[in-house]
């Protein structure tokens, strides 16, 4: 159960942005949690009606828009900003408000936007995994454990019954099919990996901690409500992505070494060395 202070922050963020996902990104929770508390507030009577104030000068409204954009980290919608301006006396059109909000967002992003560079992974350093929807077997829904090596795009798909204990089996099968153990494993914030976040730091599930210690892995997870930090893990559950991977039924079959444009296998020697990257990743450091 959320504390009253946390509920107030969630409702304040929603009133500011007008979006469940944008408010969830500001307070660091799930968008379904924001929707739940907004629904609870509406059932209890909702927000009081704000009376219209006297008109003011346009630069006052522009300063208010700058404040709203800065408080919401560029996530506020123009219609929500227009409603707040009308409440303090603005009599202009929503079209003018949209133009001002768009300009304010562009200025905010130029000042506070993230500067990113292309990620060039190193062989044997990174792997990623995520879950996808599997087929129904005797009316029982299954899941697919999808893993891949970031450098070579070598993929493994393992069917599982659920996401609890079999997750360890899927990770073990993927590492055996890789032929080695990478240094880092990146995934989403599943409950089997992260049980909570305290001050922006993920609290790991004790089970995954033991698994990482056994295999010598460093588990890394994305930042909540930050798609740029998760890499390509959300793409793993797409059927087109899974269709190019190997399943557990192909464990005894070596993949063909026919070179295709844009495709590389992780166990081929690179950079003028005679040691394959899969062997480098499994060697002790």
Protein backbone atom coordinates (compact mmCIF):
# COMPACT_ATOMS: atom_id res chain seq x y z
CA UNK A 1 0.00 0.00 0.00
CA UNK A 2 1.30 3.44 -0.94
CA UNK A 3 2.00 6.00 1.78
CA UNK A 4 -0.15 9.17 1.74
CA UNK A 5 2.87 11.24 0.71
CA UNK A 6 3.52 8.97 -2.28
CA UNK A 7 -0.15 9.12 -3.32
CA UNK A 8 -0.06 12.93 -3.18
CA UNK A 9 3.03 12.97 -5.42
CA UNK A 10 1.32 10.63 -7.91
CA UNK A 11 -1.83 12.76 -8.09
CA UNK A 12 0.18 15.97 -8.36
CA UNK A 13 2.21 14.54 -11.24
CA UNK A 14 -0.97 13.42 -13.02
CA UNK A 15 -2.63 16.82 -12.56
CA UNK A 16 0.50 18.40 -13.99
CA UNK A 17 0.93 16.17 -17.05
CA UNK A 18 -2.53 14.75 -17.70
CA UNK A 19 -0.98 11.42 -18.74
CA UNK A 20 -0.69 8.18 -16.79
CA UNK A 21 2.65 7.22 -18.34
CA UNK A 22 4.16 10.70 -18.06
CA UNK A 23 3.14 10.91 -14.40
CA UNK A 24 4.57 7.44 -13.78
CA UNK A 25 7.86 8.57 -15.28
CA UNK A 26 8.02 11.56 -12.95
CA UNK A 27 7.32 9.68 -9.71
CA UNK A 28 9.01 6.40 -10.68
CA UNK A 29 6.10 3.95 -10.53
CA UNK A 30 3.95 1.97 -12.94
CA UNK A 31 1.33 3.76 -15.03
CA UNK A 32 -1.31 1.34 -13.75
CA UNK A 33 -0.61 2.57 -10.23
CA UNK A 34 -1.24 6.14 -11.36
CA UNK A 35 -4.50 5.09 -13.03
CA UNK A 36 -5.63 3.31 -9.84
CA UNK A 37 -5.16 6.32 -7.57
CA UNK A 38 -6.71 8.71 -10.09
CA UNK A 39 -9.73 6.42 -10.27
CA UNK A 40 -9.92 6.31 -6.47
CA UNK A 41 -9.87 10.11 -6.33
CA UNK A 42 -12.61 10.39 -8.95
CA UNK A 43 -14.81 7.94 -7.05
CA UNK A 44 -14.29 10.00 -3.90
CA UNK A 45 -15.55 13.20 -5.55
CA UNK A 46 -12.69 14.41 -7.76
CA UNK A 47 -10.97 17.79 -7.75
CA UNK A 48 -12.81 20.97 -6.75
CA UNK A 49 -13.85 23.33 -9.52
CA UNK A 50 -11.51 26.31 -9.90
CA UNK A 51 -13.19 29.64 -10.58
CA UNK A 52 -11.94 31.80 -13.40
CA UNK A 53 -9.66 34.68 -12.40
CA UNK A 54 -9.06 38.07 -13.94
CA UNK A 55 -7.08 38.24 -17.21
CA UNK A 56 -3.40 39.00 -16.97
CA UNK A 57 -0.64 39.95 -19.38
CA UNK A 58 0.57 37.41 -21.95
CA UNK A 59 4.11 37.30 -20.59
CA UNK A 60 2.66 36.07 -17.31
CA UNK A 61 1.03 33.18 -19.17
CA UNK A 62 4.25 32.47 -21.06
CA UNK A 63 6.17 32.34 -17.78
CA UNK A 64 3.54 29.94 -16.44
CA UNK A 65 3.97 27.68 -19.47
CA UNK A 66 7.73 27.66 -18.95
CA UNK A 67 7.15 26.68 -15.33
CA UNK A 68 4.76 23.86 -16.25
CA UNK A 69 7.13 22.48 -18.88
CA UNK A 70 10.06 22.58 -16.47
CA UNK A 71 8.12 20.91 -13.63
CA UNK A 72 6.90 18.13 -15.90
CA UNK A 73 10.33 17.65 -17.56
CA UNK A 74 8.80 18.39 -20.93
CA UNK A 75 5.95 15.85 -20.54
CA UNK A 76 2.92 18.11 -20.08
CA UNK A 77 0.26 18.09 -22.78
CA UNK A 78 -0.91 21.30 -24.40
CA UNK A 79 -4.57 20.73 -23.48
CA UNK A 80 -3.66 20.33 -19.80
CA UNK A 81 -1.54 23.47 -19.92
CA UNK A 82 -4.42 25.32 -21.60
CA UNK A 83 -6.79 24.33 -18.81
CA UNK A 84 -4.38 25.65 -16.20
CA UNK A 85 -3.99 28.92 -18.09
CA UNK A 86 -7.76 29.35 -18.39
CA UNK A 87 -8.04 28.87 -14.63
CA UNK A 88 -5.80 31.92 -14.07
CA UNK A 89 -7.57 34.13 -16.58
CA UNK A 90 -6.26 33.26 -20.03
CA UNK A 91 -8.78 33.97 -22.80
CA UNK A 92 -6.79 32.92 -25.87
CA UNK A 93 -7.40 29.94 -28.13
CA UNK A 94 -6.10 26.38 -27.55
CA UNK A 95 -4.19 26.65 -30.84
CA UNK A 96 -2.08 29.49 -29.45
CA UNK A 97 -1.45 27.49 -26.30
CA UNK A 98 -0.29 24.48 -28.34
CA UNK A 99 2.20 26.65 -30.22
CA UNK A 100 3.58 28.15 -27.01
CA UNK A 101 3.84 24.77 -25.30
CA UNK A 102 5.61 23.26 -28.33
CA UNK A 103 8.14 26.11 -28.35
CA UNK A 104 8.71 25.79 -24.61
CA UNK A 105 9.27 22.02 -24.95
CA UNK A 106 11.80 22.51 -27.73
CA UNK A 107 13.75 25.00 -25.62
CA UNK A 108 13.63 22.70 -22.60
CA UNK A 109 14.88 19.69 -24.60
CA UNK A 110 17.75 21.66 -26.11
CA UNK A 111 18.82 22.62 -22.60
CA UNK A 112 18.12 19.38 -20.72
CA UNK A 113 17.95 16.73 -23.46
CA UNK A 114 20.08 13.62 -23.32
CA UNK A 115 23.11 13.43 -25.57
CA UNK A 116 23.47 9.88 -26.85
CA UNK A 117 26.03 8.12 -29.01
CA UNK A 118 25.77 4.84 -30.93
CA UNK A 119 26.38 1.83 -28.70
CA UNK A 120 29.28 -0.27 -30.03
CA UNK A 121 29.22 -3.51 -28.00
CA UNK A 122 32.29 -5.61 -27.36
CA UNK A 123 32.31 -9.34 -28.20
CA UNK A 124 31.48 -11.50 -25.21
CA UNK A 125 30.65 -8.54 -22.95
CA UNK A 126 26.86 -8.06 -23.10
CA UNK A 127 23.81 -10.29 -23.35
CA UNK A 128 20.16 -9.33 -23.03
CA UNK A 129 17.04 -11.29 -22.22
CA UNK A 130 13.33 -10.73 -21.96
CA UNK A 131 10.07 -12.69 -22.08
CA UNK A 132 7.49 -13.16 -24.82
CA UNK A 133 4.09 -14.78 -25.12
CA UNK A 134 4.33 -18.47 -25.99
CA UNK A 135 1.76 -20.91 -27.38
CA UNK A 136 -1.08 -22.46 -25.39
CA UNK A 137 -0.53 -26.11 -24.47
CA UNK A 138 -3.61 -27.90 -23.10
CA UNK A 139 -5.21 -24.51 -22.39
CA UNK A 140 -2.11 -23.47 -20.38
CA UNK A 141 -0.36 -20.26 -21.45
CA UNK A 142 3.41 -20.57 -21.77
CA UNK A 143 6.15 -17.95 -21.98
CA UNK A 144 9.26 -17.75 -24.13
CA UNK A 145 12.64 -16.91 -22.60
CA UNK A 146 14.41 -14.90 -25.34
CA UNK A 147 18.13 -14.12 -25.02
CA UNK A 148 20.67 -12.69 -27.42
CA UNK A 149 24.28 -11.56 -27.61
CA UNK A 150 24.54 -7.84 -28.23
CA UNK A 151 27.58 -7.98 -30.52
CA UNK A 152 26.69 -10.87 -32.84
CA UNK A 153 22.88 -10.83 -32.56
CA UNK A 154 23.00 -14.59 -31.87
CA UNK A 155 19.61 -15.47 -30.40
CA UNK A 156 18.24 -18.24 -28.19
CA UNK A 157 14.55 -18.93 -27.51
CA UNK A 158 13.60 -21.31 -24.69
CA UNK A 159 9.93 -22.16 -23.88
CA UNK A 160 9.04 -22.04 -20.16
CA UNK A 161 5.93 -22.59 -18.08
CA UNK A 162 6.15 -19.29 -16.21
CA UNK A 163 8.58 -16.55 -15.15
CA UNK A 164 9.42 -17.79 -11.65
CA UNK A 165 11.86 -20.66 -11.01
CA UNK A 166 12.11 -21.76 -14.70
CA UNK A 167 13.77 -18.39 -15.38
CA UNK A 168 16.97 -19.91 -13.96
CA UNK A 169 16.58 -22.90 -16.28
CA UNK A 170 16.15 -20.62 -19.29
CA UNK A 171 19.23 -18.58 -18.35
CA UNK A 172 21.29 -21.74 -17.86
CA UNK A 173 20.17 -23.16 -21.22
CA UNK A 174 20.95 -19.89 -23.00
CA UNK A 175 24.47 -19.70 -21.53
CA UNK A 176 25.17 -23.30 -22.53
CA UNK A 177 24.03 -22.59 -26.09
CA UNK A 178 26.18 -19.44 -26.15
CA UNK A 179 29.18 -21.56 -25.28
CA UNK A 180 30.31 -19.18 -22.58
CA UNK A 181 29.25 -16.63 -20.01
CA UNK A 182 29.20 -12.90 -20.91
CA UNK A 183 30.21 -10.28 -18.38
CA UNK A 184 26.92 -8.37 -18.19
CA UNK A 185 23.29 -9.44 -18.58
CA UNK A 186 20.76 -6.67 -19.31
CA UNK A 187 17.03 -7.16 -18.83
CA UNK A 188 13.83 -5.43 -17.84
CA UNK A 189 12.64 -4.83 -14.26
CA UNK A 190 10.78 -8.10 -13.74
CA UNK A 191 9.93 -9.11 -10.17
CA UNK A 192 12.19 -12.11 -10.58
CA UNK A 193 15.08 -9.67 -11.06
CA UNK A 194 14.27 -6.44 -9.15
CA UNK A 195 11.88 -6.49 -6.23
CA UNK A 196 11.94 -2.73 -5.54
CA UNK A 197 13.74 0.56 -6.19
CA UNK A 198 15.10 2.65 -3.31
CA UNK A 199 16.42 6.12 -4.17
CA UNK A 200 16.73 5.07 -7.80
CA UNK A 201 18.79 1.96 -6.94
CA UNK A 202 17.35 -1.44 -7.86
CA UNK A 203 16.96 -4.01 -5.08
CA UNK A 204 17.73 -7.41 -6.59
CA UNK A 205 15.78 -10.58 -6.01
CA UNK A 206 17.85 -12.87 -3.74
CA UNK A 207 17.43 -15.72 -6.21
CA UNK A 208 18.89 -13.81 -9.14
CA UNK A 209 21.76 -12.69 -6.90
CA UNK A 210 22.68 -16.33 -6.25
CA UNK A 211 22.39 -17.14 -9.95
CA UNK A 212 24.64 -14.21 -10.90
CA UNK A 213 27.21 -15.25 -8.30
CA UNK A 214 27.18 -18.84 -9.57
CA UNK A 215 27.73 -17.93 -13.23
CA UNK A 216 29.92 -14.87 -12.65
CA UNK A 217 27.38 -12.52 -14.25
CA UNK A 218 26.68 -8.89 -13.48
CA UNK A 219 22.93 -8.29 -13.71
CA UNK A 220 21.94 -4.89 -15.11
CA UNK A 221 18.39 -3.55 -15.46
CA UNK A 222 16.90 -0.54 -17.17
CA UNK A 223 15.74 2.61 -15.43
CA UNK A 224 11.94 2.70 -14.86
CA UNK A 225 10.07 4.72 -17.51
CA UNK A 226 13.29 5.20 -19.52
CA UNK A 227 13.18 3.22 -22.80
CA UNK A 228 16.64 4.40 -23.86
CA UNK A 229 18.29 2.49 -21.01
CA UNK A 230 16.83 -0.95 -21.80
CA UNK A 231 18.43 -1.45 -25.20
CA UNK A 232 16.70 -3.91 -27.50
CA UNK A 233 15.22 -6.15 -24.78
CA UNK A 234 11.58 -5.15 -25.55
CA UNK A 235 12.11 -6.27 -29.16
CA UNK A 236 12.86 -9.84 -28.12
CA UNK A 237 9.21 -10.85 -27.71
CA UNK A 238 8.28 -9.96 -31.28
CA UNK A 239 7.51 -12.96 -33.50
CA UNK A 240 9.85 -11.75 -36.26
CA UNK A 241 12.71 -11.53 -33.79
CA UNK A 242 12.01 -14.95 -32.24
CA UNK A 243 11.72 -16.68 -35.60
CA UNK A 244 15.43 -16.06 -36.27
CA UNK A 245 16.65 -17.54 -32.99
CA UNK A 246 17.45 -21.09 -31.97
CA UNK A 247 15.17 -23.05 -29.67
CA UNK A 248 16.09 -25.60 -27.03
CA UNK A 249 15.19 -28.33 -29.55
CA UNK A 250 18.15 -27.24 -31.72
CA UNK A 251 20.74 -27.52 -28.97
CA UNK A 252 22.53 -30.42 -30.66
CA UNK A 253 22.55 -28.74 -34.09
CA UNK A 254 25.29 -26.28 -34.99
CA UNK A 255 24.04 -23.30 -37.02
CA UNK A 256 25.15 -22.97 -40.62
CA UNK A 257 28.17 -20.78 -41.18
CA UNK A 258 26.83 -19.14 -44.31
CA UNK A 259 27.59 -15.46 -44.13
CA UNK A 260 24.65 -13.17 -44.69
CA UNK A 261 24.76 -9.38 -45.10
CA UNK A 262 24.65 -7.65 -41.73
CA UNK A 263 24.76 -10.92 -39.73
CA UNK A 264 27.63 -12.12 -37.53
CA UNK A 265 28.05 -15.08 -35.27
CA UNK A 266 29.56 -14.47 -31.86
CA UNK A 267 31.81 -17.54 -31.89
CA UNK A 268 33.89 -16.51 -34.90
CA UNK A 269 37.38 -15.07 -34.44
CA UNK A 270 37.56 -11.30 -34.96
CA UNK A 271 40.19 -8.57 -35.00
CA UNK A 272 43.05 -10.72 -36.28
CA UNK A 273 43.01 -13.09 -33.28
CA UNK A 274 42.75 -16.85 -33.33
CA UNK A 275 40.53 -17.10 -30.25
CA UNK A 276 36.77 -17.09 -30.73
CA UNK A 277 34.75 -14.50 -28.79
CA UNK A 278 32.68 -17.21 -27.08
CA UNK A 279 35.91 -18.69 -25.72
CA UNK A 280 37.12 -15.28 -24.60
CA UNK A 281 33.87 -14.63 -22.73
CA UNK A 282 34.10 -17.93 -20.85
CA UNK A 283 37.75 -17.55 -19.84
CA UNK A 284 38.41 -16.36 -16.27
CA UNK A 285 39.59 -12.78 -15.87
